[in-house]
Amino acid sequence: MVKMTIAVSFTLLLIACAPERERNPKACIEMAAVIENFNLRHRNAFEEGRITQEEYSSRINENDNLKISFCLLSLVPVERNTNF
């Protein structure tokens, strides 16, 4: 009976002290808004003649790839720091 009580207590302790893991899809939305702001700046620079068509296309493609990568990473569960 004592062994059973210790085993149950230990199991409950492990469950209660397991690190919390969470995803952060809100970060994807926030980063998408920032990247869209960058795209707008690049478009304005292109329309004003400060960058070429090639530079504009390259920057837009890089930003779109960054947005996709960041959104995929924001869906990976990570440990939440509960110390603060």
C-alpha atoms as a PDB file:
ATOM      1  CA  MET A   1       0.000   0.000   0.000  1.00  0.00           C
ATOM      2  CA  VAL A   2       2.868   2.370   0.806  1.00  0.00           C
ATOM      3  CA  LYS A   3       4.512   1.657  -2.547  1.00  0.00           C
ATOM      4  CA  MET A   4       1.230   2.354  -4.323  1.00  0.00           C
ATOM      5  CA  THR A   5       0.846   5.682  -2.504  1.00  0.00           C
ATOM      6  CA  ILE A   6       4.407   6.705  -3.373  1.00  0.00           C
ATOM      7  CA  ALA A   7       3.912   5.722  -7.025  1.00  0.00           C
ATOM      8  CA  VAL A   8       0.662   7.673  -7.321  1.00  0.00           C
ATOM      9  CA  SER A   9       2.199  10.696  -5.584  1.00  0.00           C
ATOM     10  CA  PHE A  10       5.213  10.601  -7.879  1.00  0.00           C
ATOM     11  CA  THR A  11       2.999  10.331 -10.958  1.00  0.00           C
ATOM     12  CA  LEU A  12       0.881  13.291  -9.858  1.00  0.00           C
ATOM     13  CA  LEU A  13       4.029  15.297  -9.166  1.00  0.00           C
ATOM     14  CA  LEU A  14       5.330  14.602 -12.670  1.00  0.00           C
ATOM     15  CA  ILE A  15       2.033  15.638 -14.236  1.00  0.00           C
ATOM     16  CA  ALA A  16       1.764  18.810 -12.165  1.00  0.00           C
ATOM     17  CA  CYS A  17       5.375  19.853 -12.790  1.00  0.00           C
ATOM     18  CA  ALA A  18       5.479  19.120 -16.510  1.00  0.00           C
ATOM     19  CA  PRO A  19       6.548  22.184 -18.491  1.00  0.00           C
ATOM     20  CA  GLU A  20       3.721  23.966 -20.245  1.00  0.00           C
ATOM     21  CA  ARG A  21       4.009  24.020 -24.012  1.00  0.00           C
ATOM     22  CA  GLU A  22       2.120  26.443 -26.181  1.00  0.00           C
ATOM     23  CA  ARG A  23       1.928  27.756 -29.715  1.00  0.00           C
ATOM     24  CA  ASN A  24       1.901  31.417 -30.621  1.00  0.00           C
ATOM     25  CA  PRO A  25      -0.208  32.044 -33.748  1.00  0.00           C
ATOM     26  CA  LYS A  26      -0.619  35.671 -32.678  1.00  0.00           C
ATOM     27  CA  ALA A  27       3.068  36.196 -33.479  1.00  0.00           C
ATOM     28  CA  CYS A  28       2.392  35.103 -37.062  1.00  0.00           C
ATOM     29  CA  ILE A  29      -0.280  37.765 -37.477  1.00  0.00           C
ATOM     30  CA  GLU A  30       1.918  40.450 -35.942  1.00  0.00           C
ATOM     31  CA  MET A  31       4.905  39.537 -38.121  1.00  0.00           C
ATOM     32  CA  ALA A  32       2.696  39.443 -41.227  1.00  0.00           C
ATOM     33  CA  ALA A  33       1.616  43.022 -40.488  1.00  0.00           C
ATOM     34  CA  VAL A  34       5.230  44.142 -40.081  1.00  0.00           C
ATOM     35  CA  ILE A  35       6.243  42.468 -43.335  1.00  0.00           C
ATOM     36  CA  GLU A  36       3.323  44.050 -45.189  1.00  0.00           C
ATOM     37  CA  ASN A  37       4.566  47.419 -43.919  1.00  0.00           C
ATOM     38  CA  PHE A  38       8.016  46.623 -45.345  1.00  0.00           C
ATOM     39  CA  ASN A  39       6.418  45.612 -48.658  1.00  0.00           C
ATOM     40  CA  LEU A  40       4.603  48.945 -48.781  1.00  0.00           C
ATOM     41  CA  ARG A  41       7.854  50.794 -48.171  1.00  0.00           C
ATOM     42  CA  HIS A  42       9.551  48.805 -50.943  1.00  0.00           C
ATOM     43  CA  ARG A  43       6.692  49.570 -53.334  1.00  0.00           C
ATOM     44  CA  ASN A  44       6.915  53.281 -52.529  1.00  0.00           C
ATOM     45  CA  ALA A  45      10.686  53.210 -53.071  1.00  0.00           C
ATOM     46  CA  PHE A  46      10.178  51.468 -56.416  1.00  0.00           C
ATOM     47  CA  GLU A  47       7.513  53.942 -57.534  1.00  0.00           C
ATOM     48  CA  GLU A  48       9.794  56.849 -56.576  1.00  0.00           C
ATOM     49  CA  GLY A  49      12.649  55.309 -58.566  1.00  0.00           C
ATOM     50  CA  ARG A  50      14.958  54.680 -55.617  1.00  0.00           C
ATOM     51  CA  ILE A  51      15.182  50.920 -56.350  1.00  0.00           C
ATOM     52  CA  THR A  52      15.002  48.914 -59.572  1.00  0.00           C
ATOM     53  CA  GLN A  53      12.357  46.395 -60.593  1.00  0.00           C
ATOM     54  CA  GLU A  54      14.803  43.578 -59.877  1.00  0.00           C
ATOM     55  CA  GLU A  55      15.535  44.840 -56.356  1.00  0.00           C
ATOM     56  CA  TYR A  56      11.824  45.336 -55.697  1.00  0.00           C
ATOM     57  CA  SER A  57      10.941  41.794 -56.824  1.00  0.00           C
ATOM     58  CA  SER A  58      13.815  40.332 -54.816  1.00  0.00           C
ATOM     59  CA  ARG A  59      12.806  42.149 -51.631  1.00  0.00           C
ATOM     60  CA  ILE A  60       9.121  41.180 -51.980  1.00  0.00           C
ATOM     61  CA  ASN A  61      10.052  37.519 -52.554  1.00  0.00           C
ATOM     62  CA  GLU A  62      12.390  37.514 -49.547  1.00  0.00           C
ATOM     63  CA  ASN A  63       9.699  39.069 -47.348  1.00  0.00           C
ATOM     64  CA  ASP A  64       7.086  36.548 -48.473  1.00  0.00           C
ATOM     65  CA  ASN A  65       9.460  33.663 -47.730  1.00  0.00           C
ATOM     66  CA  LEU A  66      10.238  35.177 -44.335  1.00  0.00           C
ATOM     67  CA  LYS A  67       6.535  35.505 -43.554  1.00  0.00           C
ATOM     68  CA  ILE A  68       5.854  31.858 -44.406  1.00  0.00           C
ATOM     69  CA  SER A  69       8.852  30.652 -42.392  1.00  0.00           C
ATOM     70  CA  PHE A  70       7.945  32.739 -39.374  1.00  0.00           C
ATOM     71  CA  CYS A  71       4.322  31.580 -39.415  1.00  0.00           C
ATOM     72  CA  LEU A  72       5.404  27.943 -39.579  1.00  0.00           C
ATOM     73  CA  LEU A  73       7.785  28.471 -36.662  1.00  0.00           C
ATOM     74  CA  SER A  74       5.086  30.178 -34.614  1.00  0.00           C
ATOM     75  CA  LEU A  75       3.031  26.979 -34.770  1.00  0.00           C
ATOM     76  CA  VAL A  76       5.762  24.847 -33.174  1.00  0.00           C
ATOM     77  CA  PRO A  77       4.954  24.306 -29.483  1.00  0.00           C
ATOM     78  CA  VAL A  78       7.558  25.753 -27.136  1.00  0.00           C
ATOM     79  CA  GLU A  79       7.954  25.695 -23.390  1.00  0.00           C
ATOM     80  CA  ARG A  80       6.362  28.612 -21.633  1.00  0.00           C
ATOM     81  CA  ASN A  81       8.414  30.295 -18.947  1.00  0.00           C
ATOM     82  CA  THR A  82       6.178  30.389 -15.885  1.00  0.00           C
ATOM     83  CA  ASN A  83       8.762  32.059 -13.637  1.00  0.00           C
ATOM     84  CA  PHE A  84       7.545  35.559 -14.459  1.00  0.00           C
END
